[in-house]
N, C-alpha and C. Protein backbone atom coordinates (compact mmCIF):
# COMPACT_ATOMS: atom_id res chain seq x y z
N UNK A 1 121.15 104.83 146.59
CA UNK A 1 121.72 105.34 145.28
C UNK A 1 121.51 104.27 144.21
N UNK A 2 121.09 104.78 143.04
CA UNK A 2 120.78 103.86 141.91
C UNK A 2 122.07 103.30 141.32
N UNK A 3 122.14 101.98 141.09
CA UNK A 3 123.29 101.36 140.49
C UNK A 3 123.52 101.96 139.08
N UNK A 4 124.74 102.25 138.67
CA UNK A 4 125.03 102.82 137.35
C UNK A 4 124.41 102.08 136.20
N UNK A 5 124.39 100.75 136.24
CA UNK A 5 123.80 100.01 135.22
C UNK A 5 122.29 100.24 135.13
N UNK A 6 121.62 100.33 136.34
CA UNK A 6 120.20 100.58 136.35
C UNK A 6 119.89 102.02 135.83
N UNK A 7 120.83 102.95 136.15
CA UNK A 7 120.58 104.31 135.70
C UNK A 7 120.68 104.37 134.19
N UNK A 8 121.59 103.66 133.60
CA UNK A 8 121.76 103.68 132.14
C UNK A 8 120.53 102.98 131.51
N UNK A 9 120.13 101.86 132.12
CA UNK A 9 118.93 101.16 131.64
C UNK A 9 117.67 102.05 131.65
N UNK A 10 117.58 102.86 132.68
CA UNK A 10 116.47 103.77 132.84
C UNK A 10 116.45 104.79 131.70
N UNK A 11 117.59 105.31 131.37
CA UNK A 11 117.76 106.26 130.31
C UNK A 11 117.39 105.68 128.95
N UNK A 12 117.74 104.43 128.74
CA UNK A 12 117.44 103.73 127.55
C UNK A 12 115.91 103.43 127.37
N UNK A 13 115.35 103.06 128.50
CA UNK A 13 113.89 102.69 128.45
C UNK A 13 113.02 103.91 128.50
N UNK A 14 113.47 104.95 129.22
CA UNK A 14 112.63 106.12 129.44
C UNK A 14 113.42 107.38 129.13
N UNK A 15 113.77 107.57 127.83
CA UNK A 15 114.65 108.70 127.46
C UNK A 15 113.96 110.08 127.76
N UNK A 16 112.65 110.08 127.67
CA UNK A 16 111.95 111.38 127.93
C UNK A 16 112.12 111.84 129.31
N UNK A 17 112.28 110.89 130.24
CA UNK A 17 112.42 111.30 131.64
C UNK A 17 113.74 112.04 131.93
N UNK A 18 114.67 111.91 131.03
CA UNK A 18 115.97 112.56 131.19
C UNK A 18 115.97 113.96 130.58
N UNK A 19 114.87 114.29 129.96
CA UNK A 19 114.80 115.55 129.26
C UNK A 19 113.67 116.39 129.84
N UNK A 20 113.74 117.67 129.71
CA UNK A 20 112.71 118.58 130.15
C UNK A 20 111.46 118.29 129.24
N UNK A 21 110.31 118.34 129.90
CA UNK A 21 109.08 118.09 129.12
C UNK A 21 108.91 119.21 128.13
N UNK A 22 108.31 118.81 126.94
CA UNK A 22 108.01 119.84 125.98
C UNK A 22 107.09 120.90 126.52
N UNK A 23 107.33 122.16 126.11
CA UNK A 23 106.42 123.22 126.46
C UNK A 23 105.19 123.07 125.60
N UNK A 24 104.00 123.43 126.12
CA UNK A 24 102.81 123.37 125.35
C UNK A 24 102.32 124.74 124.99
N UNK A 25 102.25 125.03 123.75
CA UNK A 25 101.73 126.35 123.27
C UNK A 25 100.41 126.12 122.59
N UNK A 26 99.42 126.92 122.94
CA UNK A 26 98.10 126.86 122.33
C UNK A 26 97.93 128.02 121.39
N UNK A 27 97.79 127.74 120.09
CA UNK A 27 97.54 128.78 119.13
C UNK A 27 96.05 128.89 118.96
N UNK A 28 95.47 129.89 119.62
CA UNK A 28 93.98 130.03 119.71
C UNK A 28 93.55 131.19 118.83
N UNK A 29 92.95 130.88 117.70
CA UNK A 29 92.65 131.99 116.84
C UNK A 29 91.64 131.60 115.72
N UNK A 30 91.81 132.26 114.57
CA UNK A 30 90.94 132.04 113.41
C UNK A 30 91.68 131.49 112.27
N UNK A 31 91.32 131.80 111.03
CA UNK A 31 91.96 131.17 109.89
C UNK A 31 93.45 131.45 109.76
N UNK A 32 93.86 132.61 110.36
CA UNK A 32 95.26 132.95 110.30
C UNK A 32 96.15 131.96 111.10
N UNK A 33 95.62 131.42 112.14
CA UNK A 33 96.35 130.35 112.91
C UNK A 33 95.95 128.99 112.46
N UNK A 34 94.81 128.86 111.85
CA UNK A 34 94.31 127.55 111.48
C UNK A 34 95.10 127.00 110.24
N UNK A 35 95.72 127.82 109.47
CA UNK A 35 96.46 127.37 108.25
C UNK A 35 95.54 127.23 107.07
N UNK A 36 94.67 128.22 106.86
CA UNK A 36 93.69 128.25 105.82
C UNK A 36 94.30 128.03 104.41
N UNK A 37 93.88 126.94 103.76
CA UNK A 37 94.20 126.61 102.37
C UNK A 37 95.77 126.35 102.22
N UNK A 38 96.34 125.95 103.32
CA UNK A 38 97.81 125.64 103.23
C UNK A 38 97.99 124.08 103.29
N UNK A 39 99.09 123.68 102.74
CA UNK A 39 99.41 122.19 102.80
C UNK A 39 99.72 121.78 104.17
N UNK A 40 99.52 120.52 104.51
CA UNK A 40 99.81 120.01 105.86
C UNK A 40 101.30 120.34 106.27
N UNK A 41 101.45 120.83 107.44
CA UNK A 41 102.76 121.18 107.94
C UNK A 41 103.26 122.58 107.63
N UNK A 42 102.44 123.29 106.87
CA UNK A 42 102.87 124.62 106.48
C UNK A 42 102.09 125.78 107.18
N UNK A 43 101.17 125.40 108.02
CA UNK A 43 100.37 126.45 108.72
C UNK A 43 101.19 127.04 109.87
N UNK A 44 100.56 127.95 110.56
CA UNK A 44 101.21 128.64 111.68
C UNK A 44 101.70 127.74 112.77
N UNK A 45 100.84 126.83 113.25
CA UNK A 45 101.25 125.94 114.35
C UNK A 45 102.42 125.08 114.05
N UNK A 46 102.39 124.36 112.89
CA UNK A 46 103.59 123.49 112.64
C UNK A 46 104.84 124.27 112.34
N UNK A 47 104.73 125.40 111.64
CA UNK A 47 105.90 126.18 111.39
C UNK A 47 106.49 126.74 112.68
N UNK A 48 105.63 127.26 113.62
CA UNK A 48 106.11 127.75 114.89
C UNK A 48 106.77 126.67 115.70
N UNK A 49 106.15 125.49 115.71
CA UNK A 49 106.71 124.41 116.50
C UNK A 49 108.09 124.05 115.95
N UNK A 50 108.23 123.93 114.63
CA UNK A 50 109.50 123.64 114.04
C UNK A 50 110.57 124.73 114.35
N UNK A 51 110.17 125.95 114.29
CA UNK A 51 111.06 127.06 114.56
C UNK A 51 111.52 127.05 116.03
N UNK A 52 110.57 126.77 116.95
CA UNK A 52 110.95 126.72 118.34
C UNK A 52 111.96 125.60 118.63
N UNK A 53 111.69 124.39 118.07
CA UNK A 53 112.59 123.31 118.25
C UNK A 53 113.99 123.59 117.64
N UNK A 54 114.03 124.19 116.50
CA UNK A 54 115.27 124.55 115.85
C UNK A 54 116.06 125.54 116.67
N UNK A 55 115.36 126.40 117.44
CA UNK A 55 116.00 127.42 118.22
C UNK A 55 116.38 126.93 119.59
N UNK A 56 116.04 125.62 119.90
CA UNK A 56 116.47 125.02 121.16
C UNK A 56 115.39 125.00 122.23
N UNK A 57 114.18 125.29 121.81
CA UNK A 57 113.11 125.27 122.81
C UNK A 57 112.17 124.05 122.47
N UNK A 58 112.21 122.95 123.21
CA UNK A 58 111.34 121.83 122.89
C UNK A 58 109.93 122.21 123.18
N UNK A 59 109.10 122.29 122.17
CA UNK A 59 107.73 122.71 122.35
C UNK A 59 106.82 121.98 121.40
N UNK A 60 105.54 121.89 121.87
CA UNK A 60 104.49 121.41 120.96
C UNK A 60 103.46 122.49 120.86
N UNK A 61 103.13 122.86 119.63
CA UNK A 61 102.14 123.91 119.36
C UNK A 61 100.82 123.24 118.89
N UNK A 62 99.85 123.42 119.70
CA UNK A 62 98.51 122.89 119.46
C UNK A 62 97.74 123.89 118.60
N UNK A 63 97.21 123.42 117.49
CA UNK A 63 96.47 124.31 116.56
C UNK A 63 94.98 124.37 116.99
N UNK A 64 94.60 125.49 117.56
CA UNK A 64 93.21 125.66 117.97
C UNK A 64 92.65 126.85 117.18
N UNK A 65 93.05 126.94 115.92
CA UNK A 65 92.47 128.01 115.06
C UNK A 65 91.31 127.48 114.26
N UNK A 66 90.24 128.30 114.16
CA UNK A 66 89.01 127.87 113.47
C UNK A 66 88.75 128.99 112.44
N UNK A 67 88.75 128.64 111.15
CA UNK A 67 88.49 129.63 110.13
C UNK A 67 87.16 130.27 110.29
N UNK A 68 87.12 131.56 110.21
CA UNK A 68 85.82 132.27 110.28
C UNK A 68 85.43 132.71 111.66
N UNK A 69 86.22 132.28 112.67
CA UNK A 69 85.87 132.58 114.06
C UNK A 69 85.93 134.08 114.36
N UNK A 70 84.96 134.57 115.03
CA UNK A 70 84.97 135.92 115.54
C UNK A 70 85.41 135.85 117.01
N UNK A 71 85.60 137.00 117.69
CA UNK A 71 85.91 136.97 119.08
C UNK A 71 84.85 136.30 119.93
N UNK A 72 83.56 136.50 119.51
CA UNK A 72 82.46 135.87 120.24
C UNK A 72 82.53 134.31 120.15
N UNK A 73 82.83 133.86 118.99
CA UNK A 73 82.90 132.41 118.79
C UNK A 73 84.09 131.80 119.50
N UNK A 74 85.21 132.58 119.56
CA UNK A 74 86.39 132.16 120.27
C UNK A 74 86.13 132.14 121.80
N UNK A 75 85.41 133.10 122.26
CA UNK A 75 85.04 133.19 123.69
C UNK A 75 84.20 131.97 124.02
N UNK A 76 83.28 131.62 123.17
CA UNK A 76 82.31 130.51 123.40
C UNK A 76 82.99 129.19 123.52
N UNK A 77 84.12 129.00 122.82
CA UNK A 77 84.77 127.64 122.75
C UNK A 77 86.02 127.52 123.64
N UNK A 78 86.41 128.65 124.26
CA UNK A 78 87.69 128.64 124.95
C UNK A 78 87.76 127.51 126.05
N UNK A 79 86.80 127.43 126.91
CA UNK A 79 86.79 126.51 127.97
C UNK A 79 86.82 125.07 127.46
N UNK A 80 86.10 124.88 126.40
CA UNK A 80 86.06 123.48 125.75
C UNK A 80 87.44 123.13 125.24
N UNK A 81 88.12 124.08 124.61
CA UNK A 81 89.43 123.86 124.07
C UNK A 81 90.38 123.55 125.23
N UNK A 82 90.36 124.32 126.31
CA UNK A 82 91.29 124.10 127.42
C UNK A 82 91.02 122.73 128.05
N UNK A 83 89.73 122.38 128.15
CA UNK A 83 89.39 121.13 128.78
C UNK A 83 89.86 119.93 127.92
N UNK A 84 89.97 120.15 126.63
CA UNK A 84 90.31 119.02 125.71
C UNK A 84 91.77 118.78 125.74
N UNK A 85 92.59 119.66 126.27
CA UNK A 85 94.04 119.44 126.32
C UNK A 85 94.40 118.48 127.47
N UNK A 86 95.50 117.80 127.28
CA UNK A 86 95.93 116.88 128.34
C UNK A 86 96.79 117.55 129.42
N UNK A 87 97.12 118.77 129.13
CA UNK A 87 97.97 119.53 130.11
C UNK A 87 97.66 121.01 130.04
N UNK A 88 97.96 121.69 131.07
CA UNK A 88 97.83 123.16 131.09
C UNK A 88 98.83 123.77 130.17
N UNK A 89 98.42 124.65 129.23
CA UNK A 89 99.43 125.31 128.32
C UNK A 89 100.38 126.16 129.07
N UNK A 90 101.58 126.16 128.55
CA UNK A 90 102.62 127.07 129.10
C UNK A 90 102.42 128.45 128.53
N UNK A 91 101.76 128.56 127.36
CA UNK A 91 101.50 129.84 126.73
C UNK A 91 100.27 129.67 125.80
N UNK A 92 99.40 130.67 125.80
CA UNK A 92 98.34 130.76 124.80
C UNK A 92 98.56 132.01 123.97
N UNK A 93 98.58 131.79 122.65
CA UNK A 93 98.62 132.90 121.71
C UNK A 93 97.20 133.15 121.30
N UNK A 94 96.70 134.31 121.69
CA UNK A 94 95.33 134.68 121.33
C UNK A 94 95.35 135.60 120.06
N UNK A 95 94.81 135.00 118.98
CA UNK A 95 94.81 135.72 117.72
C UNK A 95 93.39 135.75 117.18
N UNK A 96 92.64 136.76 117.59
CA UNK A 96 91.22 136.92 117.18
C UNK A 96 90.89 138.38 116.99
N UNK A 97 89.88 138.63 116.20
CA UNK A 97 89.43 140.00 115.97
C UNK A 97 89.42 140.36 114.52
N UNK A 98 90.15 139.64 113.65
CA UNK A 98 90.17 139.98 112.24
C UNK A 98 88.80 139.88 111.61
N UNK A 99 88.02 138.80 111.94
CA UNK A 99 86.76 138.63 111.33
C UNK A 99 85.70 139.68 111.84
N UNK A 100 85.84 140.02 113.13
CA UNK A 100 84.96 141.07 113.60
C UNK A 100 85.17 142.33 112.82
N UNK A 101 86.47 142.62 112.57
CA UNK A 101 86.82 143.82 111.86
C UNK A 101 86.35 143.76 110.42
N UNK A 102 86.62 142.63 109.73
CA UNK A 102 86.23 142.52 108.34
C UNK A 102 84.72 142.61 108.10
N UNK A 103 83.97 142.21 109.14
CA UNK A 103 82.51 142.33 109.04
C UNK A 103 81.97 143.65 109.58
N UNK A 104 82.84 144.48 109.95
CA UNK A 104 82.47 145.85 110.41
C UNK A 104 81.70 145.83 111.74
N UNK A 105 81.94 144.78 112.59
CA UNK A 105 81.20 144.71 113.84
C UNK A 105 81.77 145.77 114.82
N UNK A 106 80.93 146.03 115.77
CA UNK A 106 81.23 147.06 116.80
C UNK A 106 82.52 146.71 117.53
N UNK A 107 83.54 147.50 117.48
CA UNK A 107 84.81 147.20 118.16
C UNK A 107 84.63 146.99 119.66
N UNK A 108 83.63 147.61 120.25
CA UNK A 108 83.36 147.42 121.68
C UNK A 108 82.98 145.99 122.02
N UNK A 109 82.26 145.34 121.13
CA UNK A 109 81.93 143.93 121.31
C UNK A 109 83.18 143.04 121.23
N UNK A 110 84.03 143.33 120.26
CA UNK A 110 85.27 142.57 120.13
C UNK A 110 86.14 142.74 121.41
N UNK A 111 86.21 143.96 121.86
CA UNK A 111 87.00 144.22 123.10
C UNK A 111 86.49 143.49 124.27
N UNK A 112 85.12 143.45 124.43
CA UNK A 112 84.46 142.78 125.56
C UNK A 112 84.77 141.23 125.46
N UNK A 113 84.69 140.74 124.30
CA UNK A 113 84.95 139.31 124.15
C UNK A 113 86.40 138.92 124.44
N UNK A 114 87.30 139.72 123.88
CA UNK A 114 88.70 139.50 124.19
C UNK A 114 89.07 139.66 125.66
N UNK A 115 88.42 140.63 126.26
CA UNK A 115 88.57 140.87 127.69
C UNK A 115 88.13 139.63 128.50
N UNK A 116 87.04 139.03 128.08
CA UNK A 116 86.59 137.80 128.77
C UNK A 116 87.56 136.64 128.55
N UNK A 117 88.07 136.48 127.38
CA UNK A 117 89.04 135.46 127.10
C UNK A 117 90.30 135.61 127.91
N UNK A 118 90.84 136.89 127.98
CA UNK A 118 92.06 137.09 128.71
C UNK A 118 91.79 136.97 130.23
N UNK A 119 90.57 137.31 130.68
CA UNK A 119 90.23 137.17 132.10
C UNK A 119 90.24 135.69 132.49
N UNK A 120 89.69 134.86 131.61
CA UNK A 120 89.65 133.38 131.89
C UNK A 120 91.08 132.81 131.97
N UNK A 121 91.90 133.22 131.04
CA UNK A 121 93.25 132.68 131.00
C UNK A 121 94.06 133.19 132.20
N UNK A 122 93.83 134.45 132.53
CA UNK A 122 94.51 135.00 133.73
C UNK A 122 94.04 134.30 135.01
N UNK A 123 92.79 133.98 135.09
CA UNK A 123 92.25 133.28 136.26
C UNK A 123 92.91 131.89 136.40
N UNK A 124 93.22 131.31 135.26
CA UNK A 124 93.89 129.99 135.27
C UNK A 124 95.38 130.09 135.41
N UNK A 125 95.88 131.28 135.51
CA UNK A 125 97.34 131.56 135.64
C UNK A 125 98.12 131.01 134.43
N UNK A 126 97.61 131.29 133.28
CA UNK A 126 98.26 130.88 132.04
C UNK A 126 98.84 132.10 131.30
N UNK A 127 100.08 132.03 130.91
CA UNK A 127 100.75 133.11 130.18
C UNK A 127 100.01 133.31 128.85
N UNK A 128 99.95 134.60 128.45
CA UNK A 128 99.27 134.95 127.18
C UNK A 128 100.13 135.85 126.34
N UNK A 129 100.10 135.60 125.07
CA UNK A 129 100.61 136.54 124.05
C UNK A 129 99.42 136.94 123.22
N UNK A 130 99.06 138.22 123.33
CA UNK A 130 97.93 138.74 122.54
C UNK A 130 98.44 139.25 121.21
N UNK A 131 97.94 138.69 120.13
CA UNK A 131 98.37 139.11 118.78
C UNK A 131 97.37 140.08 118.25
N UNK A 132 97.81 141.30 117.98
CA UNK A 132 96.93 142.36 117.54
C UNK A 132 96.58 142.28 116.07
N UNK A 133 95.59 143.08 115.72
CA UNK A 133 95.09 143.27 114.38
C UNK A 133 94.87 144.78 114.18
N UNK A 134 94.87 145.25 112.92
CA UNK A 134 94.57 146.60 112.60
C UNK A 134 93.41 146.66 111.61
N UNK A 135 92.62 147.71 111.63
CA UNK A 135 91.52 147.82 110.73
C UNK A 135 91.92 148.03 109.33
N UNK A 136 91.22 147.39 108.39
CA UNK A 136 91.44 147.61 106.98
C UNK A 136 91.13 149.07 106.61
N UNK A 137 91.94 149.69 105.67
CA UNK A 137 91.71 151.09 105.35
C UNK A 137 90.32 151.42 104.85
N UNK A 138 89.71 150.41 104.14
CA UNK A 138 88.35 150.70 103.57
C UNK A 138 87.27 150.88 104.61
N UNK A 139 87.53 150.53 105.85
CA UNK A 139 86.53 150.72 106.94
C UNK A 139 86.52 152.18 107.47
N UNK A 140 87.47 152.99 107.02
CA UNK A 140 87.48 154.33 107.42
C UNK A 140 88.30 154.63 108.67
N UNK A 141 88.70 155.95 108.83
CA UNK A 141 89.50 156.39 109.93
C UNK A 141 88.76 156.24 111.24
N UNK A 142 87.47 156.53 111.28
CA UNK A 142 86.72 156.52 112.54
C UNK A 142 86.68 155.10 113.10
N UNK A 143 86.44 154.11 112.19
CA UNK A 143 86.42 152.73 112.71
C UNK A 143 87.80 152.33 113.18
N UNK A 144 88.85 152.70 112.50
CA UNK A 144 90.23 152.38 112.91
C UNK A 144 90.58 153.02 114.28
N UNK A 145 90.08 154.21 114.56
CA UNK A 145 90.36 154.84 115.82
C UNK A 145 89.68 154.08 116.95
N UNK A 146 88.60 153.39 116.70
CA UNK A 146 87.89 152.60 117.74
C UNK A 146 88.56 151.22 117.88
N UNK A 147 88.89 150.62 116.72
CA UNK A 147 89.36 149.23 116.68
C UNK A 147 90.86 149.06 117.07
N UNK A 148 91.67 149.85 116.50
CA UNK A 148 93.08 149.58 116.61
C UNK A 148 93.66 149.63 118.00
N UNK A 149 93.20 150.49 118.94
CA UNK A 149 93.78 150.55 120.24
C UNK A 149 93.31 149.41 121.20
N UNK A 150 92.37 148.56 120.73
CA UNK A 150 91.85 147.50 121.65
C UNK A 150 92.92 146.63 122.27
N UNK A 151 93.91 146.18 121.44
CA UNK A 151 94.81 145.19 121.80
C UNK A 151 95.81 145.73 122.87
N UNK A 152 96.32 146.92 122.61
CA UNK A 152 97.30 147.50 123.60
C UNK A 152 96.58 147.77 124.90
N UNK A 153 95.34 148.19 124.81
CA UNK A 153 94.59 148.50 126.09
C UNK A 153 94.36 147.16 126.88
N UNK A 154 93.95 146.16 126.19
CA UNK A 154 93.69 144.89 126.88
C UNK A 154 94.99 144.22 127.41
N UNK A 155 96.05 144.33 126.63
CA UNK A 155 97.36 143.83 127.13
C UNK A 155 97.80 144.44 128.38
N UNK A 156 97.64 145.77 128.41
CA UNK A 156 97.98 146.52 129.64
C UNK A 156 97.09 146.17 130.85
N UNK A 157 95.82 146.04 130.58
CA UNK A 157 94.90 145.65 131.62
C UNK A 157 95.16 144.33 132.24
N UNK A 158 95.54 143.34 131.40
CA UNK A 158 95.72 141.96 131.89
C UNK A 158 97.19 141.62 132.06
N UNK A 159 98.08 142.57 131.90
CA UNK A 159 99.53 142.35 132.02
C UNK A 159 99.96 141.23 131.14
N UNK A 160 99.42 141.22 129.92
CA UNK A 160 99.76 140.17 128.89
C UNK A 160 100.75 140.74 127.91
N UNK A 161 101.58 139.83 127.35
CA UNK A 161 102.52 140.22 126.32
C UNK A 161 101.68 140.57 125.05
N UNK A 162 102.24 141.50 124.34
CA UNK A 162 101.52 141.97 123.07
C UNK A 162 102.43 141.95 121.91
N UNK A 163 101.89 141.34 120.80
CA UNK A 163 102.53 141.49 119.53
C UNK A 163 101.56 142.26 118.71
N UNK A 164 101.94 143.56 118.45
CA UNK A 164 100.92 144.52 117.95
C UNK A 164 100.16 144.16 116.68
N UNK A 165 100.77 143.48 115.75
CA UNK A 165 100.11 143.26 114.48
C UNK A 165 100.58 141.86 113.98
N UNK A 166 99.66 140.92 114.02
CA UNK A 166 99.99 139.53 113.62
C UNK A 166 100.50 139.40 112.23
N UNK A 167 99.99 140.21 111.31
CA UNK A 167 100.37 140.14 109.91
C UNK A 167 101.48 141.13 109.53
N UNK A 168 102.23 141.59 110.52
CA UNK A 168 103.36 142.46 110.30
C UNK A 168 104.35 141.85 109.30
N UNK A 169 104.67 142.60 108.28
CA UNK A 169 105.59 142.16 107.26
C UNK A 169 105.00 141.35 106.10
N UNK A 170 103.63 141.10 106.25
CA UNK A 170 102.98 140.25 105.22
C UNK A 170 101.96 141.07 104.47
N UNK A 171 101.24 141.92 105.11
CA UNK A 171 100.21 142.79 104.46
C UNK A 171 100.92 143.64 103.38
N UNK A 172 100.26 143.66 102.26
CA UNK A 172 100.79 144.49 101.17
C UNK A 172 101.75 143.83 100.22
N UNK A 173 102.20 142.66 100.58
CA UNK A 173 103.15 141.88 99.73
C UNK A 173 102.40 140.72 99.10
N UNK A 174 102.05 140.89 97.85
CA UNK A 174 101.24 139.83 97.20
C UNK A 174 101.98 138.48 97.15
N UNK A 175 103.30 138.46 97.17
CA UNK A 175 104.01 137.18 97.08
C UNK A 175 103.86 136.38 98.34
N UNK A 176 103.31 136.99 99.39
CA UNK A 176 103.23 136.37 100.69
C UNK A 176 101.79 135.93 101.01
N UNK A 177 100.83 136.10 100.05
CA UNK A 177 99.45 135.68 100.27
C UNK A 177 99.05 134.58 99.33
N UNK A 178 97.95 133.93 99.64
CA UNK A 178 97.47 132.81 98.86
C UNK A 178 96.71 133.30 97.58
N UNK A 179 96.51 134.63 97.54
CA UNK A 179 95.82 135.19 96.36
C UNK A 179 94.64 136.04 96.69
N UNK A 180 94.24 136.07 97.97
CA UNK A 180 93.11 136.85 98.36
C UNK A 180 93.43 138.12 99.11
N UNK A 181 94.77 138.41 99.25
CA UNK A 181 95.24 139.62 99.87
C UNK A 181 95.00 139.68 101.38
N UNK A 182 94.60 138.48 101.95
CA UNK A 182 94.32 138.37 103.37
C UNK A 182 95.16 137.27 104.04
N UNK A 183 95.00 136.10 103.52
CA UNK A 183 95.59 134.93 104.16
C UNK A 183 97.02 134.67 103.67
N UNK A 184 97.96 134.44 104.59
CA UNK A 184 99.36 134.22 104.16
C UNK A 184 99.50 132.83 103.54
N UNK A 185 100.45 132.79 102.60
CA UNK A 185 100.89 131.46 102.07
C UNK A 185 102.00 130.94 102.95
N UNK A 186 102.62 129.88 102.54
CA UNK A 186 103.67 129.25 103.35
C UNK A 186 104.79 130.26 103.67
N UNK A 187 105.20 131.02 102.66
CA UNK A 187 106.24 132.01 102.94
C UNK A 187 105.76 133.16 103.83
N UNK A 188 104.52 133.52 103.70
CA UNK A 188 103.96 134.51 104.54
C UNK A 188 103.92 134.06 106.05
N UNK A 189 103.55 132.78 106.20
CA UNK A 189 103.54 132.26 107.54
C UNK A 189 104.93 132.22 108.17
N UNK A 190 105.91 131.95 107.38
CA UNK A 190 107.34 131.91 107.88
C UNK A 190 107.75 133.36 108.31
N UNK A 191 107.26 134.40 107.61
CA UNK A 191 107.50 135.79 108.01
C UNK A 191 106.89 136.06 109.37
N UNK A 192 105.63 135.63 109.53
CA UNK A 192 104.94 135.79 110.80
C UNK A 192 105.68 135.10 111.92
N UNK A 193 106.05 133.88 111.72
CA UNK A 193 106.77 133.11 112.74
C UNK A 193 108.06 133.74 113.09
N UNK A 194 108.86 134.21 112.15
CA UNK A 194 110.10 134.88 112.43
C UNK A 194 109.89 136.10 113.32
N UNK A 195 108.76 136.85 113.04
CA UNK A 195 108.53 138.07 113.80
C UNK A 195 108.13 137.74 115.21
N UNK A 196 107.39 136.66 115.44
CA UNK A 196 106.88 136.27 116.78
C UNK A 196 107.87 135.47 117.60
N UNK A 197 108.78 134.80 116.94
CA UNK A 197 109.65 133.83 117.56
C UNK A 197 110.41 134.34 118.81
N UNK A 198 111.11 135.51 118.68
CA UNK A 198 111.84 135.97 119.84
C UNK A 198 111.04 136.15 121.09
N UNK A 199 109.84 136.75 120.91
CA UNK A 199 108.95 137.01 122.04
C UNK A 199 108.42 135.70 122.58
N UNK A 200 108.05 134.76 121.72
CA UNK A 200 107.51 133.49 122.25
C UNK A 200 108.60 132.71 122.95
N UNK A 201 109.83 132.70 122.42
CA UNK A 201 110.93 132.01 123.14
C UNK A 201 111.15 132.59 124.51
N UNK A 202 111.10 133.96 124.60
CA UNK A 202 111.32 134.61 125.87
C UNK A 202 110.25 134.25 126.87
N UNK A 203 109.00 134.20 126.43
CA UNK A 203 107.90 133.84 127.29
C UNK A 203 107.99 132.41 127.78
N UNK A 204 108.44 131.52 126.97
CA UNK A 204 108.59 130.14 127.36
C UNK A 204 109.78 129.78 128.17
N UNK A 205 110.77 130.60 128.12
CA UNK A 205 112.02 130.31 128.88
C UNK A 205 112.18 131.18 130.16
N UNK A 206 111.28 132.16 130.27
CA UNK A 206 111.33 133.02 131.53
C UNK A 206 110.29 132.60 132.53
N UNK A 207 110.74 132.31 133.75
CA UNK A 207 109.75 131.87 134.79
C UNK A 207 108.66 132.91 135.03
């Protein structure tokens, strides 16, 4: 049995050992997770990390968002990103597909790439939250019918959690964008984080 004095000394020297290790969340996406044109500390990853800690979940959110990335580019760099981490993520938020859609690319290609990403994460036994996207109205109803169901279909196939629309509550409100009607500003990011937070907390605290 450890002497009380030594136990106290251990707590003073190694306080982290007395606490649960921080959860590691990987925000894997495009400019929407990268914090495009936002001041330091105001992007999705830092705001989510702050919100999780404030809610009582010690977590570190790693920003793996790359502006302009398509699902194909995300697929190509996934293994590199996972290898670069010092630990296995407790949760990966997959937020990709917006650039495929904005470029009018074949939704079947986006679905195949996301399918490969989810398959790899599932093989590694990593929890996933798939963040959905919806087609812009100017692409037409036919494109939307092909693109919009991708995320629910893949979430069901891989038994992944689904947040149907990453920009829920932000699209259409000019006060929440940086001025291009696409990318959220700091306030817009906070709306996104508030929407996602309950689901992310549940995923991180449920075995």
